[in-house]
């Protein structure tokens, strides 16, 4: 007999997926917060020392945090897809016991790479990090 929506194992499996999705979202938000804090600190230090030429060094943390954020967003999206596919299969009675607690985000490396680079064009990634680079360029042109 296939698992039903009321079974404890199905509810636990769905709870686990929801927890993973929530953590990825939270980590993405923390990444943006830390990036903004670090870049602001670099901007303050370089402008106080009148060395705005070194302001471009803040591009390094921006790129590193952006890569980390892209990974979190790609994983969040993939786990949302897994969640939705599981619920759809559950309603279509296509779920077996083997599907429970089998959580694997990527089937192959190509999927992972496509999701990773596709996440850059998200509204959550590109505008945030590109605006930070634009602000650095603006400050550099004004005080440089």
C-alpha atoms as a PDB file:
ATOM      1  CA  UNK A   1       0.000   0.000   0.000  1.00  0.00           C
ATOM      2  CA  UNK A   2       1.509   3.366  -0.997  1.00  0.00           C
ATOM      3  CA  UNK A   3       2.033   6.036   1.648  1.00  0.00           C
ATOM      4  CA  UNK A   4      -0.849   8.442   2.145  1.00  0.00           C
ATOM      5  CA  UNK A   5      -0.866  12.134   2.875  1.00  0.00           C
ATOM      6  CA  UNK A   6      -1.932  11.405   6.452  1.00  0.00           C
ATOM      7  CA  UNK A   7       0.942   9.069   7.270  1.00  0.00           C
ATOM      8  CA  UNK A   8       3.531  10.248   9.761  1.00  0.00           C
ATOM      9  CA  UNK A   9       6.412   9.351   7.456  1.00  0.00           C
ATOM     10  CA  UNK A  10       5.026  11.515   4.629  1.00  0.00           C
ATOM     11  CA  UNK A  11       4.451  14.439   6.974  1.00  0.00           C
ATOM     12  CA  UNK A  12       7.985  14.078   8.365  1.00  0.00           C
ATOM     13  CA  UNK A  13       9.446  13.908   4.863  1.00  0.00           C
ATOM     14  CA  UNK A  14       7.581  17.072   3.850  1.00  0.00           C
ATOM     15  CA  UNK A  15       8.672  18.762   7.096  1.00  0.00           C
ATOM     16  CA  UNK A  16      12.298  17.904   6.367  1.00  0.00           C
ATOM     17  CA  UNK A  17      12.031  19.411   2.893  1.00  0.00           C
ATOM     18  CA  UNK A  18      10.363  22.544   4.263  1.00  0.00           C
ATOM     19  CA  UNK A  19      13.142  22.872   6.839  1.00  0.00           C
ATOM     20  CA  UNK A  20      15.825  22.628   4.164  1.00  0.00           C
ATOM     21  CA  UNK A  21      14.059  25.242   2.026  1.00  0.00           C
ATOM     22  CA  UNK A  22      13.736  27.585   5.004  1.00  0.00           C
ATOM     23  CA  UNK A  23      17.419  27.166   5.911  1.00  0.00           C
ATOM     24  CA  UNK A  24      18.568  27.907   2.368  1.00  0.00           C
ATOM     25  CA  UNK A  25      16.423  31.044   2.318  1.00  0.00           C
ATOM     26  CA  UNK A  26      17.742  32.137   5.696  1.00  0.00           C
ATOM     27  CA  UNK A  27      21.357  31.507   4.677  1.00  0.00           C
ATOM     28  CA  UNK A  28      20.814  33.569   1.536  1.00  0.00           C
ATOM     29  CA  UNK A  29      19.545  36.478   3.636  1.00  0.00           C
ATOM     30  CA  UNK A  30      22.507  36.146   6.022  1.00  0.00           C
ATOM     31  CA  UNK A  31      24.885  36.144   3.068  1.00  0.00           C
ATOM     32  CA  UNK A  32      23.501  39.454   1.841  1.00  0.00           C
ATOM     33  CA  UNK A  33      23.673  40.939   5.341  1.00  0.00           C
ATOM     34  CA  UNK A  34      27.292  39.913   5.856  1.00  0.00           C
ATOM     35  CA  UNK A  35      28.287  41.104   2.401  1.00  0.00           C
ATOM     36  CA  UNK A  36      26.717  44.502   2.940  1.00  0.00           C
ATOM     37  CA  UNK A  37      28.347  44.839   6.356  1.00  0.00           C
ATOM     38  CA  UNK A  38      31.794  43.870   5.131  1.00  0.00           C
ATOM     39  CA  UNK A  39      31.684  46.068   2.035  1.00  0.00           C
ATOM     40  CA  UNK A  40      30.434  49.029   4.077  1.00  0.00           C
ATOM     41  CA  UNK A  41      33.311  48.536   6.524  1.00  0.00           C
ATOM     42  CA  UNK A  42      35.828  48.442   3.684  1.00  0.00           C
ATOM     43  CA  UNK A  43      34.286  51.585   2.205  1.00  0.00           C
ATOM     44  CA  UNK A  44      34.501  53.447   5.520  1.00  0.00           C
ATOM     45  CA  UNK A  45      38.105  52.398   6.134  1.00  0.00           C
ATOM     46  CA  UNK A  46      39.309  53.282   2.646  1.00  0.00           C
ATOM     47  CA  UNK A  47      37.553  56.649   2.531  1.00  0.00           C
ATOM     48  CA  UNK A  48      38.773  57.584   6.032  1.00  0.00           C
ATOM     49  CA  UNK A  49      42.334  56.792   4.975  1.00  0.00           C
ATOM     50  CA  UNK A  50      41.845  58.800   1.765  1.00  0.00           C
ATOM     51  CA  UNK A  51      42.821  55.740  -0.240  1.00  0.00           C
ATOM     52  CA  UNK A  52      39.788  55.337  -2.456  1.00  0.00           C
ATOM     53  CA  UNK A  53      41.940  53.514  -5.009  1.00  0.00           C
ATOM     54  CA  UNK A  54      41.864  50.548  -2.643  1.00  0.00           C
ATOM     55  CA  UNK A  55      38.074  50.696  -2.652  1.00  0.00           C
ATOM     56  CA  UNK A  56      38.046  48.226  -5.540  1.00  0.00           C
ATOM     57  CA  UNK A  57      39.269  45.543  -3.137  1.00  0.00           C
ATOM     58  CA  UNK A  58      35.669  45.303  -1.910  1.00  0.00           C
ATOM     59  CA  UNK A  59      34.820  43.581  -5.219  1.00  0.00           C
ATOM     60  CA  UNK A  60      36.452  40.422  -3.832  1.00  0.00           C
ATOM     61  CA  UNK A  61      33.963  39.877  -0.974  1.00  0.00           C
ATOM     62  CA  UNK A  62      31.102  40.881  -3.273  1.00  0.00           C
ATOM     63  CA  UNK A  63      32.025  38.159  -5.764  1.00  0.00           C
ATOM     64  CA  UNK A  64      32.630  35.555  -3.056  1.00  0.00           C
ATOM     65  CA  UNK A  65      29.353  36.279  -1.265  1.00  0.00           C
ATOM     66  CA  UNK A  66      27.512  36.329  -4.599  1.00  0.00           C
ATOM     67  CA  UNK A  67      28.822  32.849  -5.442  1.00  0.00           C
ATOM     68  CA  UNK A  68      27.731  31.579  -2.036  1.00  0.00           C
ATOM     69  CA  UNK A  69      24.324  33.228  -2.424  1.00  0.00           C
ATOM     70  CA  UNK A  70      23.891  31.721  -5.900  1.00  0.00           C
ATOM     71  CA  UNK A  71      24.524  28.283  -4.441  1.00  0.00           C
ATOM     72  CA  UNK A  72      21.968  28.797  -1.666  1.00  0.00           C
ATOM     73  CA  UNK A  73      19.356  30.038  -4.138  1.00  0.00           C
ATOM     74  CA  UNK A  74      20.015  27.174  -6.549  1.00  0.00           C
ATOM     75  CA  UNK A  75      19.608  24.659  -3.720  1.00  0.00           C
ATOM     76  CA  UNK A  76      16.478  26.391  -2.420  1.00  0.00           C
ATOM     77  CA  UNK A  77      14.873  26.296  -5.861  1.00  0.00           C
ATOM     78  CA  UNK A  78      15.834  22.671  -6.382  1.00  0.00           C
ATOM     79  CA  UNK A  79      14.412  21.593  -3.034  1.00  0.00           C
ATOM     80  CA  UNK A  80      11.205  23.492  -3.810  1.00  0.00           C
ATOM     81  CA  UNK A  81      10.979  21.518  -7.048  1.00  0.00           C
ATOM     82  CA  UNK A  82      11.576  18.264  -5.158  1.00  0.00           C
ATOM     83  CA  UNK A  83       8.863  19.229  -2.654  1.00  0.00           C
ATOM     84  CA  UNK A  84       6.341  20.104  -5.376  1.00  0.00           C
ATOM     85  CA  UNK A  85       7.131  16.957  -7.386  1.00  0.00           C
ATOM     86  CA  UNK A  86       6.699  14.817  -4.283  1.00  0.00           C
ATOM     87  CA  UNK A  87       3.341  16.403  -3.409  1.00  0.00           C
ATOM     88  CA  UNK A  88       2.138  16.028  -7.004  1.00  0.00           C
ATOM     89  CA  UNK A  89       3.207  12.367  -7.057  1.00  0.00           C
ATOM     90  CA  UNK A  90       1.581  11.849  -3.672  1.00  0.00           C
ATOM     91  CA  UNK A  91      -1.743  13.117  -4.976  1.00  0.00           C
ATOM     92  CA  UNK A  92      -1.390  10.946  -8.078  1.00  0.00           C
ATOM     93  CA  UNK A  93      -0.632   7.890  -5.878  1.00  0.00           C
ATOM     94  CA  UNK A  94       2.811   7.466  -7.455  1.00  0.00           C
ATOM     95  CA  UNK A  95       4.807   7.633  -4.198  1.00  0.00           C
ATOM     96  CA  UNK A  96       6.347   4.516  -2.752  1.00  0.00           C
ATOM     97  CA  UNK A  97       8.142   3.891   0.516  1.00  0.00           C
ATOM     98  CA  UNK A  98      11.446   4.147  -1.376  1.00  0.00           C
ATOM     99  CA  UNK A  99      10.682   7.794  -2.210  1.00  0.00           C
ATOM    100  CA  UNK A 100      10.469   8.769   1.446  1.00  0.00           C
ATOM    101  CA  UNK A 101      13.579  10.318   3.005  1.00  0.00           C
ATOM    102  CA  UNK A 102      15.457  10.009  -0.277  1.00  0.00           C
ATOM    103  CA  UNK A 103      16.586  13.605  -0.591  1.00  0.00           C
ATOM    104  CA  UNK A 104      19.122  14.226  -3.293  1.00  0.00           C
ATOM    105  CA  UNK A 105      19.168  17.654  -4.931  1.00  0.00           C
ATOM    106  CA  UNK A 106      21.113  16.922  -8.107  1.00  0.00           C
ATOM    107  CA  UNK A 107      20.947  13.928 -10.385  1.00  0.00           C
ATOM    108  CA  UNK A 108      24.041  14.984 -12.301  1.00  0.00           C
ATOM    109  CA  UNK A 109      26.643  17.723 -12.423  1.00  0.00           C
ATOM    110  CA  UNK A 110      25.088  19.388 -15.459  1.00  0.00           C
ATOM    111  CA  UNK A 111      21.845  20.024 -13.549  1.00  0.00           C
ATOM    112  CA  UNK A 112      23.781  21.535 -10.668  1.00  0.00           C
ATOM    113  CA  UNK A 113      25.783  23.850 -12.939  1.00  0.00           C
ATOM    114  CA  UNK A 114      22.691  24.972 -14.868  1.00  0.00           C
ATOM    115  CA  UNK A 115      20.782  25.751 -11.674  1.00  0.00           C
ATOM    116  CA  UNK A 116      23.817  27.520 -10.185  1.00  0.00           C
ATOM    117  CA  UNK A 117      24.424  29.861 -13.106  1.00  0.00           C
ATOM    118  CA  UNK A 118      20.698  30.297 -13.722  1.00  0.00           C
ATOM    119  CA  UNK A 119      20.317  31.635 -10.197  1.00  0.00           C
ATOM    120  CA  UNK A 120      22.460  34.679 -11.068  1.00  0.00           C
ATOM    121  CA  UNK A 121      19.677  36.090 -13.213  1.00  0.00           C
ATOM    122  CA  UNK A 122      17.240  35.911 -10.323  1.00  0.00           C
ATOM    123  CA  UNK A 123      15.732  39.065  -8.887  1.00  0.00           C
ATOM    124  CA  UNK A 124      17.277  38.028  -5.561  1.00  0.00           C
ATOM    125  CA  UNK A 125      20.864  37.942  -6.818  1.00  0.00           C
ATOM    126  CA  UNK A 126      21.768  40.122  -9.811  1.00  0.00           C
ATOM    127  CA  UNK A 127      20.215  43.441  -8.724  1.00  0.00           C
ATOM    128  CA  UNK A 128      21.627  43.275  -5.196  1.00  0.00           C
ATOM    129  CA  UNK A 129      25.220  42.542  -6.129  1.00  0.00           C
ATOM    130  CA  UNK A 130      25.278  44.667  -9.286  1.00  0.00           C
ATOM    131  CA  UNK A 131      23.965  47.658  -7.337  1.00  0.00           C
ATOM    132  CA  UNK A 132      26.775  47.186  -4.810  1.00  0.00           C
ATOM    133  CA  UNK A 133      29.352  47.217  -7.615  1.00  0.00           C
ATOM    134  CA  UNK A 134      27.656  50.280  -9.119  1.00  0.00           C
ATOM    135  CA  UNK A 135      27.841  52.108  -5.778  1.00  0.00           C
ATOM    136  CA  UNK A 136      31.541  51.319  -5.471  1.00  0.00           C
ATOM    137  CA  UNK A 137      32.125  52.614  -9.005  1.00  0.00           C
ATOM    138  CA  UNK A 138      30.112  55.747  -8.203  1.00  0.00           C
ATOM    139  CA  UNK A 139      32.058  56.454  -5.012  1.00  0.00           C
ATOM    140  CA  UNK A 140      35.316  55.839  -6.851  1.00  0.00           C
ATOM    141  CA  UNK A 141      34.361  58.273  -9.612  1.00  0.00           C
ATOM    142  CA  UNK A 142      33.282  60.965  -7.137  1.00  0.00           C
ATOM    143  CA  UNK A 143      36.209  60.734  -4.706  1.00  0.00           C
ATOM    144  CA  UNK A 144      38.772  59.051  -6.950  1.00  0.00           C
END
